[in-house]
């Protein structure tokens, strides 16, 4: 019922787009996209370190006759294709970075790569599917270059590093690409991105107008007590107990203080560091976590309430606290992303184009997603639509499939074929629409 209602509402708003057949031209690059994806999967690289990936992308674009700019936001690659006729400027984005995850999928091209991450040697894996995104955009670029004379407008190919976040102490990702002049030669009239997702079966595409993915914010709280022997806790101030109470009290921000009937909110503590020995109460405990919201007012309110919980819980026990909890998005402590917002009019336009790829019944509203995306920064600058490509094999319950970021994340490679056609369809439809 909700899916059909979603389709009906958008169809009321859609304006005419030229008929698009992405099947035939995409078929010519299917084998290459598959090979690129497997190569990239076997050779993953962390954010701001995608040197091999960047070189592979740039070499491909040069071979197509384009003139890529390299080194944007450290390892980003950007190229512009000018069509044979005047028309709008369209931008397409793919992210290139992998994650500090050790792969546990039995594949002949599984990653065995390792890298230094926060001072530790870790496994590296494309556990989120960015290898697929990069390969798909490389394939779409090849198809579009072959159709150059028929295109009405320009296409900007954006291969972006560090979507998962830059290394500590560095800048990166979409925000840095924009600040280094990604749109200096002119903003596109529309921008598109896709993401393979385990929450959908292969053959499904997820898209919705308005908010799609949550704003994400990272925070750190340091609780300082006074060290003492574990046998005489009264001789010091125990930051472990204070931290535990702080974590418990912070849960009431969501359960009792925020109106989650408006928009969902998540406050998660993902890491607790403190102590070196079982019988020593340490001086300090550090808490790290994330905040997820869909409303800017609620986002700022959570910041305020979390700082208050930290300050007063510590004070009540004679401890002290320091924290890196954002005050606003302009705060240098803000290490997150805003809400990913799909432009309603643009999304209405591309809906039938996506339906032409998988059928109307297989383009669904995925609902609000608490995961975050730095594509959100582009969507603040220009009309944009971001959509999901199902990655879980047919017949497998997506709710039980290993999720994105899991060491067991598995991509059904049919998603490559569908993703290539979907991105090509929305591009051609946008360049040929009245």
Protein backbone atom coordinates (compact mmCIF):
# COMPACT_ATOMS: atom_id res chain seq x y z
CA UNK A 1 0.00 0.00 0.00
CA UNK A 2 2.73 2.48 0.99
CA UNK A 3 4.83 1.62 -2.02
CA UNK A 4 1.97 2.10 -4.48
CA UNK A 5 0.98 5.35 -2.78
CA UNK A 6 4.56 6.58 -3.05
CA UNK A 7 4.61 5.83 -6.78
CA UNK A 8 1.23 7.47 -7.36
CA UNK A 9 2.17 10.70 -5.59
CA UNK A 10 5.41 11.06 -7.50
CA UNK A 11 3.80 10.30 -10.83
CA UNK A 12 1.40 13.19 -10.30
CA UNK A 13 4.37 15.54 -10.10
CA UNK A 14 6.53 14.10 -12.86
CA UNK A 15 7.24 16.12 -15.97
CA UNK A 16 7.88 14.54 -19.37
CA UNK A 17 11.16 12.80 -20.00
CA UNK A 18 12.28 11.30 -23.24
CA UNK A 19 12.06 7.54 -23.54
CA UNK A 20 15.36 6.02 -22.48
CA UNK A 21 16.73 2.61 -23.37
CA UNK A 22 19.75 1.98 -21.16
CA UNK A 23 19.77 -1.77 -21.68
CA UNK A 24 21.52 -2.04 -25.05
CA UNK A 25 24.32 0.51 -24.54
CA UNK A 26 25.03 -0.74 -21.01
CA UNK A 27 25.39 -4.33 -22.17
CA UNK A 28 28.56 -3.37 -24.02
CA UNK A 29 30.39 -2.61 -20.76
CA UNK A 30 28.95 -5.25 -18.43
CA UNK A 31 32.00 -7.51 -18.61
CA UNK A 32 34.35 -4.58 -17.99
CA UNK A 33 32.35 -3.33 -15.00
CA UNK A 34 32.47 -6.81 -13.50
CA UNK A 35 36.24 -7.06 -14.02
CA UNK A 36 36.89 -3.58 -12.59
CA UNK A 37 34.78 -4.31 -9.54
CA UNK A 38 36.63 -7.56 -8.81
CA UNK A 39 40.00 -5.88 -9.27
CA UNK A 40 39.05 -3.00 -6.97
CA UNK A 41 37.60 -5.41 -4.42
CA UNK A 42 40.88 -7.30 -4.29
CA UNK A 43 42.88 -4.08 -3.89
CA UNK A 44 40.92 -1.85 -1.46
CA UNK A 45 42.35 1.38 -0.05
CA UNK A 46 41.33 3.51 2.93
CA UNK A 47 40.11 7.11 2.72
CA UNK A 48 42.58 9.70 1.36
CA UNK A 49 44.88 6.79 0.42
CA UNK A 50 43.09 5.59 -2.74
CA UNK A 51 46.22 6.02 -4.89
CA UNK A 52 45.94 2.84 -6.94
CA UNK A 53 42.19 3.31 -7.40
CA UNK A 54 42.64 6.93 -8.46
CA UNK A 55 45.33 5.98 -10.99
CA UNK A 56 43.12 3.24 -12.45
CA UNK A 57 40.18 5.63 -12.83
CA UNK A 58 42.26 8.44 -14.33
CA UNK A 59 43.93 6.09 -16.82
CA UNK A 60 40.53 4.82 -17.96
CA UNK A 61 39.17 8.33 -18.43
CA UNK A 62 42.24 9.37 -20.42
CA UNK A 63 41.86 6.31 -22.61
CA UNK A 64 38.34 7.49 -23.37
CA UNK A 65 39.73 10.82 -24.60
CA UNK A 66 38.76 12.82 -21.50
CA UNK A 67 41.09 15.10 -19.54
CA UNK A 68 40.68 14.16 -15.88
CA UNK A 69 41.78 16.44 -13.07
CA UNK A 70 43.50 14.45 -10.34
CA UNK A 71 44.54 15.15 -6.77
CA UNK A 72 41.30 16.88 -5.79
CA UNK A 73 40.69 16.33 -2.07
CA UNK A 74 43.89 14.27 -2.00
CA UNK A 75 43.03 11.43 -4.43
CA UNK A 76 39.80 12.54 -6.14
CA UNK A 77 39.38 12.42 -9.92
CA UNK A 78 37.03 14.64 -11.92
CA UNK A 79 36.41 14.75 -15.67
CA UNK A 80 33.90 16.56 -17.88
CA UNK A 81 32.27 15.14 -20.99
CA UNK A 82 30.80 17.74 -23.35
CA UNK A 83 27.95 16.49 -25.50
CA UNK A 84 27.44 17.31 -29.15
CA UNK A 85 24.49 19.61 -28.43
CA UNK A 86 23.82 22.29 -25.82
CA UNK A 87 21.95 21.27 -22.70
CA UNK A 88 22.16 21.02 -18.92
CA UNK A 89 25.19 20.06 -16.86
CA UNK A 90 24.73 16.79 -14.94
CA UNK A 91 27.10 15.44 -12.27
CA UNK A 92 27.54 11.77 -11.34
CA UNK A 93 29.39 10.71 -8.21
CA UNK A 94 31.03 7.47 -7.10
CA UNK A 95 32.96 7.00 -3.85
CA UNK A 96 36.20 5.02 -3.92
CA UNK A 97 37.32 4.28 -0.35
CA UNK A 98 37.19 1.04 1.61
CA UNK A 99 36.91 0.29 5.33
CA UNK A 100 39.25 -1.02 8.06
CA UNK A 101 37.48 -4.40 8.04
CA UNK A 102 38.98 -7.87 7.56
CA UNK A 103 37.03 -9.73 4.91
CA UNK A 104 35.34 -13.02 5.84
CA UNK A 105 33.69 -13.78 2.48
CA UNK A 106 35.03 -16.76 0.55
CA UNK A 107 35.65 -15.21 -2.87
CA UNK A 108 38.46 -15.87 -5.36
CA UNK A 109 39.01 -12.10 -5.41
CA UNK A 110 38.60 -11.54 -1.65
CA UNK A 111 40.73 -8.82 -0.11
CA UNK A 112 43.87 -9.75 1.79
CA UNK A 113 45.01 -6.15 2.02
CA UNK A 114 46.15 -4.55 5.26
CA UNK A 115 46.92 -0.96 6.22
CA UNK A 116 47.80 1.20 9.18
CA UNK A 117 44.70 2.62 10.87
CA UNK A 118 44.95 4.63 14.09
CA UNK A 119 48.35 3.09 14.79
CA UNK A 120 47.24 -0.50 14.23
CA UNK A 121 47.62 -2.91 11.33
CA UNK A 122 44.12 -3.78 10.17
CA UNK A 123 42.48 -5.63 7.34
CA UNK A 124 40.99 -3.50 4.55
CA UNK A 125 37.81 -4.45 2.70
CA UNK A 126 35.24 -2.90 0.39
CA UNK A 127 32.63 -3.78 3.00
CA UNK A 128 30.29 -1.02 1.87
CA UNK A 129 30.32 -1.56 -1.89
CA UNK A 130 32.28 1.47 -3.07
CA UNK A 131 34.19 -0.82 -5.42
CA UNK A 132 30.87 -1.40 -7.19
CA UNK A 133 30.11 2.33 -7.33
CA UNK A 134 33.48 3.13 -8.89
CA UNK A 135 33.22 0.33 -11.45
CA UNK A 136 29.66 1.33 -12.39
CA UNK A 137 30.63 4.96 -12.99
CA UNK A 138 33.65 3.90 -15.05
CA UNK A 139 31.28 1.87 -17.22
CA UNK A 140 28.75 4.67 -17.52
CA UNK A 141 31.53 7.06 -18.52
CA UNK A 142 32.58 4.71 -21.34
CA UNK A 143 29.02 4.39 -22.65
CA UNK A 144 28.40 8.14 -22.56
CA UNK A 145 31.66 8.94 -24.34
CA UNK A 146 30.55 6.61 -27.11
CA UNK A 147 27.30 8.59 -27.38
CA UNK A 148 28.94 12.00 -27.15
CA UNK A 149 27.45 13.47 -30.33
CA UNK A 150 23.90 12.52 -29.32
CA UNK A 151 24.15 14.05 -25.83
CA UNK A 152 22.53 17.41 -25.15
CA UNK A 153 24.60 18.86 -22.34
CA UNK A 154 27.58 17.99 -20.17
CA UNK A 155 28.36 15.24 -17.70
CA UNK A 156 30.76 15.73 -14.78
CA UNK A 157 32.21 12.46 -13.50
CA UNK A 158 33.12 12.76 -9.82
CA UNK A 159 35.22 9.98 -8.30
CA UNK A 160 35.40 10.90 -4.62
CA UNK A 161 37.73 9.71 -1.87
CA UNK A 162 37.06 9.36 1.85
CA UNK A 163 33.28 9.09 1.93
CA UNK A 164 33.67 7.00 5.09
CA UNK A 165 35.61 9.85 6.64
CA UNK A 166 39.23 10.98 6.41
CA UNK A 167 42.00 9.78 8.73
CA UNK A 168 42.25 11.52 12.09
CA UNK A 169 43.65 15.01 11.71
CA UNK A 170 42.87 15.26 7.99
CA UNK A 171 40.07 16.70 5.92
CA UNK A 172 38.48 14.81 3.06
CA UNK A 173 35.41 13.62 1.23
CA UNK A 174 32.65 15.63 -0.39
CA UNK A 175 33.14 18.67 1.83
CA UNK A 176 36.79 19.00 0.82
CA UNK A 177 36.01 18.43 -2.87
CA UNK A 178 33.55 21.31 -2.74
CA UNK A 179 35.93 23.61 -0.87
CA UNK A 180 38.67 22.85 -3.42
CA UNK A 181 36.44 24.04 -6.27
CA UNK A 182 34.54 21.03 -7.58
CA UNK A 183 31.83 23.35 -8.95
CA UNK A 184 34.14 26.28 -9.72
CA UNK A 185 33.46 25.96 -13.46
CA UNK A 186 29.70 25.97 -12.92
CA UNK A 187 27.23 24.13 -10.76
CA UNK A 188 25.38 21.22 -12.35
CA UNK A 189 21.63 21.47 -12.78
CA UNK A 190 21.32 17.99 -11.28
CA UNK A 191 23.54 15.49 -9.49
CA UNK A 192 23.05 11.76 -9.01
CA UNK A 193 24.60 9.10 -6.85
CA UNK A 194 23.82 5.49 -6.02
CA UNK A 195 24.66 3.04 -3.29
CA UNK A 196 24.46 -0.75 -3.27
CA UNK A 197 22.56 -1.78 -0.14
CA UNK A 198 22.05 -5.06 1.68
CA UNK A 199 18.59 -3.94 2.86
CA UNK A 200 17.16 -4.56 -0.62
CA UNK A 201 17.20 -7.65 -2.80
CA UNK A 202 18.97 -7.48 -6.12
CA UNK A 203 16.47 -6.33 -8.73
CA UNK A 204 15.05 -3.64 -6.42
CA UNK A 205 15.85 0.06 -6.43
CA UNK A 206 15.07 2.25 -3.43
CA UNK A 207 14.39 5.98 -3.74
CA UNK A 208 12.26 8.60 -2.00
CA UNK A 209 11.85 12.38 -2.17
CA UNK A 210 12.99 14.53 0.74
CA UNK A 211 15.04 13.10 3.61
CA UNK A 212 16.60 9.74 2.84
CA UNK A 213 19.61 9.27 5.12
CA UNK A 214 20.25 10.73 8.55
CA UNK A 215 22.62 13.43 9.65
CA UNK A 216 25.51 11.87 11.54
CA UNK A 217 27.70 13.43 14.19
CA UNK A 218 30.63 12.00 16.08
CA UNK A 219 31.35 12.89 19.69
CA UNK A 220 34.02 12.19 22.31
CA UNK A 221 33.65 12.54 26.08
CA UNK A 222 36.63 12.29 28.46
CA UNK A 223 35.80 11.58 32.10
CA UNK A 224 38.61 12.37 34.53
CA UNK A 225 38.68 10.90 38.01
CA UNK A 226 41.53 10.13 40.41
CA UNK A 227 43.45 6.88 40.26
CA UNK A 228 43.49 4.55 43.24
CA UNK A 229 43.89 0.89 44.10
CA UNK A 230 40.89 -1.28 43.27
CA UNK A 231 40.73 -2.50 46.88
CA UNK A 232 40.11 1.00 48.24
CA UNK A 233 37.86 2.88 45.79
CA UNK A 234 37.16 5.54 48.43
CA UNK A 235 40.75 6.72 47.96
CA UNK A 236 40.02 8.14 44.51
CA UNK A 237 37.28 9.08 42.06
CA UNK A 238 36.23 6.22 39.80
CA UNK A 239 35.78 7.43 36.18
CA UNK A 240 34.60 3.96 35.12
CA UNK A 241 31.50 4.21 37.31
CA UNK A 242 30.91 7.81 36.21
CA UNK A 243 31.21 6.80 32.54
CA UNK A 244 28.78 3.91 33.04
CA UNK A 245 26.21 6.21 34.63
CA UNK A 246 26.74 8.77 31.89
CA UNK A 247 26.01 6.16 29.22
CA UNK A 248 22.84 5.07 31.01
CA UNK A 249 21.61 8.62 31.62
CA UNK A 250 22.22 9.61 27.99
CA UNK A 251 19.70 7.00 26.85
CA UNK A 252 16.95 9.14 28.33
CA UNK A 253 17.73 11.87 25.80
CA UNK A 254 16.05 9.72 23.16
CA UNK A 255 13.56 7.75 25.26
CA UNK A 256 12.23 10.62 27.38
CA UNK A 257 13.33 14.02 26.07
CA UNK A 258 13.07 14.00 22.27
CA UNK A 259 9.76 13.93 20.38
CA UNK A 260 10.57 10.89 18.26
CA UNK A 261 7.02 10.87 16.91
CA UNK A 262 8.26 13.69 14.63
CA UNK A 263 11.58 12.23 13.49
CA UNK A 264 13.71 9.34 14.76
CA UNK A 265 16.82 10.07 16.82
CA UNK A 266 19.69 7.76 17.76
CA UNK A 267 22.44 8.34 20.35
CA UNK A 268 24.95 5.48 20.33
CA UNK A 269 28.10 4.95 22.39
CA UNK A 270 30.35 2.81 20.23
CA UNK A 271 33.64 2.77 22.15
CA UNK A 272 34.78 3.00 25.79
CA UNK A 273 38.50 3.21 26.57
CA UNK A 274 39.99 3.24 30.07
CA UNK A 275 42.19 1.37 32.47
CA UNK A 276 45.15 -0.97 32.07
CA UNK A 277 44.79 -3.46 34.94
CA UNK A 278 41.99 -5.29 36.74
CA UNK A 279 42.84 -3.92 40.22
CA UNK A 280 43.67 -0.31 39.39
CA UNK A 281 40.94 2.33 39.12
CA UNK A 282 42.20 4.56 36.30
CA UNK A 283 42.45 8.32 36.07
CA UNK A 284 40.46 8.64 32.86
CA UNK A 285 37.86 6.99 30.66
CA UNK A 286 37.09 8.08 27.08
CA UNK A 287 33.70 7.54 25.45
CA UNK A 288 33.08 7.80 21.70
CA UNK A 289 29.80 7.67 19.86
CA UNK A 290 27.47 8.97 17.20
CA UNK A 291 24.27 11.01 16.97
CA UNK A 292 21.77 10.43 14.13
CA UNK A 293 18.95 12.87 13.37
CA UNK A 294 16.74 14.13 10.53
CA UNK A 295 15.85 17.60 11.81
CA UNK A 296 18.35 20.42 12.33
CA UNK A 297 16.57 21.72 15.43
CA UNK A 298 16.52 18.28 17.03
CA UNK A 299 20.14 17.80 16.02
CA UNK A 300 21.24 20.91 17.92
CA UNK A 301 19.01 19.97 20.86
CA UNK A 302 20.70 16.58 21.23
CA UNK A 303 24.10 18.30 21.26
CA UNK A 304 22.94 20.53 24.14
CA UNK A 305 21.37 17.72 26.15
CA UNK A 306 24.35 15.39 25.78
CA UNK A 307 26.75 18.10 26.97
CA UNK A 308 24.48 18.73 29.97
CA UNK A 309 24.33 15.03 30.88
CA UNK A 310 28.12 14.77 30.65
CA UNK A 311 28.80 17.89 32.71
CA UNK A 312 26.32 17.21 35.50
CA UNK A 313 26.90 13.47 35.83
CA UNK A 314 30.62 14.06 36.27
CA UNK A 315 30.07 16.90 38.72
CA UNK A 316 27.67 14.82 40.83
CA UNK A 317 30.47 12.30 41.50
CA UNK A 318 33.36 14.71 41.96
CA UNK A 319 34.85 13.94 38.56
CA UNK A 320 35.59 16.36 35.75
CA UNK A 321 34.74 16.07 32.10
CA UNK A 322 35.89 17.47 28.78
CA UNK A 323 34.15 16.74 25.52
CA UNK A 324 34.13 17.23 21.80
CA UNK A 325 30.40 17.44 21.26
CA UNK A 326 29.41 19.82 18.45
CA UNK A 327 27.67 23.08 19.30
CA UNK A 328 26.49 23.58 15.72
CA UNK A 329 27.44 22.40 12.26
CA UNK A 330 29.98 25.23 12.07
CA UNK A 331 31.74 23.84 15.15
CA UNK A 332 35.17 22.37 14.31
CA UNK A 333 34.16 19.40 16.48
CA UNK A 334 31.50 18.52 13.89
CA UNK A 335 32.90 15.51 12.08
CA UNK A 336 29.66 14.27 10.59
CA UNK A 337 27.31 14.74 7.67
CA UNK A 338 24.03 16.60 7.28
CA UNK A 339 20.78 14.92 6.26
CA UNK A 340 20.83 13.49 2.74
CA UNK A 341 17.91 15.29 1.06
CA UNK A 342 16.58 14.22 -2.32
CA UNK A 343 15.16 17.09 -4.37
CA UNK A 344 11.44 16.35 -4.75
CA UNK A 345 11.06 17.62 -8.32
CA UNK A 346 14.20 15.89 -9.56
CA UNK A 347 13.27 12.64 -7.83
CA UNK A 348 9.84 12.78 -9.43
CA UNK A 349 11.48 13.16 -12.80
CA UNK A 350 13.85 10.20 -12.43
CA UNK A 351 11.32 7.81 -10.90
CA UNK A 352 9.96 6.55 -14.26
CA UNK A 353 13.53 6.30 -15.56
CA UNK A 354 14.44 3.97 -12.71
CA UNK A 355 11.20 2.06 -13.24
CA UNK A 356 12.21 1.49 -16.86
CA UNK A 357 15.21 -0.47 -15.61
CA UNK A 358 13.61 -2.87 -13.09
CA UNK A 359 9.87 -2.35 -13.50
CA UNK A 360 7.49 -0.14 -11.57
CA UNK A 361 6.82 -2.73 -8.87
CA UNK A 362 10.51 -3.00 -8.03
CA UNK A 363 11.21 0.69 -7.39
CA UNK A 364 10.30 1.10 -3.72
CA UNK A 365 10.36 3.63 -0.92
CA UNK A 366 13.12 2.36 1.38
CA UNK A 367 11.95 4.53 4.28
CA UNK A 368 14.23 6.67 6.41
CA UNK A 369 17.72 5.24 6.74
CA UNK A 370 19.72 5.96 9.89
CA UNK A 371 22.95 5.49 7.98
CA UNK A 372 24.60 8.65 6.68
CA UNK A 373 26.22 9.82 3.44
CA UNK A 374 28.46 12.76 2.65
CA UNK A 375 26.67 13.00 -0.72
CA UNK A 376 24.45 15.22 1.46
CA UNK A 377 26.92 18.08 0.96
CA UNK A 378 26.40 18.02 -2.81
CA UNK A 379 22.64 17.90 -2.30
CA UNK A 380 22.89 21.15 -0.35
CA UNK A 381 24.53 22.86 -3.30
CA UNK A 382 22.50 21.55 -6.25
CA UNK A 383 19.29 19.56 -6.92
CA UNK A 384 20.27 15.96 -6.29
CA UNK A 385 18.86 12.45 -6.09
CA UNK A 386 20.52 9.55 -4.33
CA UNK A 387 19.15 6.04 -4.71
CA UNK A 388 19.81 2.51 -3.49
CA UNK A 389 20.57 -0.57 -5.60
CA UNK A 390 19.60 -3.89 -4.02
CA UNK A 391 22.64 -6.08 -3.29
CA UNK A 392 21.24 -9.11 -1.44
CA UNK A 393 20.56 -12.20 -3.59
CA UNK A 394 16.97 -12.99 -4.46
CA UNK A 395 15.44 -15.48 -2.05
CA UNK A 396 17.50 -14.19 0.88
CA UNK A 397 15.73 -12.12 3.53
CA UNK A 398 17.54 -8.75 3.45
CA UNK A 399 16.89 -8.27 7.17
CA UNK A 400 19.02 -11.34 7.85
CA UNK A 401 21.75 -10.67 5.29
CA UNK A 402 25.12 -9.32 6.48
CA UNK A 403 24.83 -5.55 6.36
CA UNK A 404 27.02 -2.96 4.73
CA UNK A 405 30.20 -2.54 6.84
CA UNK A 406 30.07 -6.19 7.91
CA UNK A 407 33.14 -8.38 7.22
CA UNK A 408 30.62 -10.77 5.64
CA UNK A 409 28.96 -8.17 3.37
CA UNK A 410 28.20 -9.88 0.07
CA UNK A 411 27.29 -8.19 -3.19
CA UNK A 412 25.23 -10.12 -5.72
CA UNK A 413 27.04 -9.02 -8.87
CA UNK A 414 23.79 -8.63 -10.77
CA UNK A 415 23.63 -5.35 -8.84
CA UNK A 416 26.46 -4.10 -11.09
CA UNK A 417 24.35 -4.64 -14.20
CA UNK A 418 21.32 -2.94 -12.65
CA UNK A 419 23.34 -0.08 -11.21
CA UNK A 420 24.99 0.65 -14.54
CA UNK A 421 21.63 0.77 -16.32
CA UNK A 422 20.00 2.84 -13.59
CA UNK A 423 22.71 5.50 -13.52
CA UNK A 424 22.81 5.58 -17.31
CA UNK A 425 19.01 5.89 -17.55
CA UNK A 426 18.77 8.86 -15.19
CA UNK A 427 21.65 10.58 -16.97
CA UNK A 428 20.28 10.10 -20.47
CA UNK A 429 16.80 11.04 -19.33
CA UNK A 430 18.11 14.24 -17.77
CA UNK A 431 20.14 15.19 -20.84
CA UNK A 432 17.32 14.55 -23.31
CA UNK A 433 14.26 15.63 -21.29
CA UNK A 434 12.32 18.68 -22.54
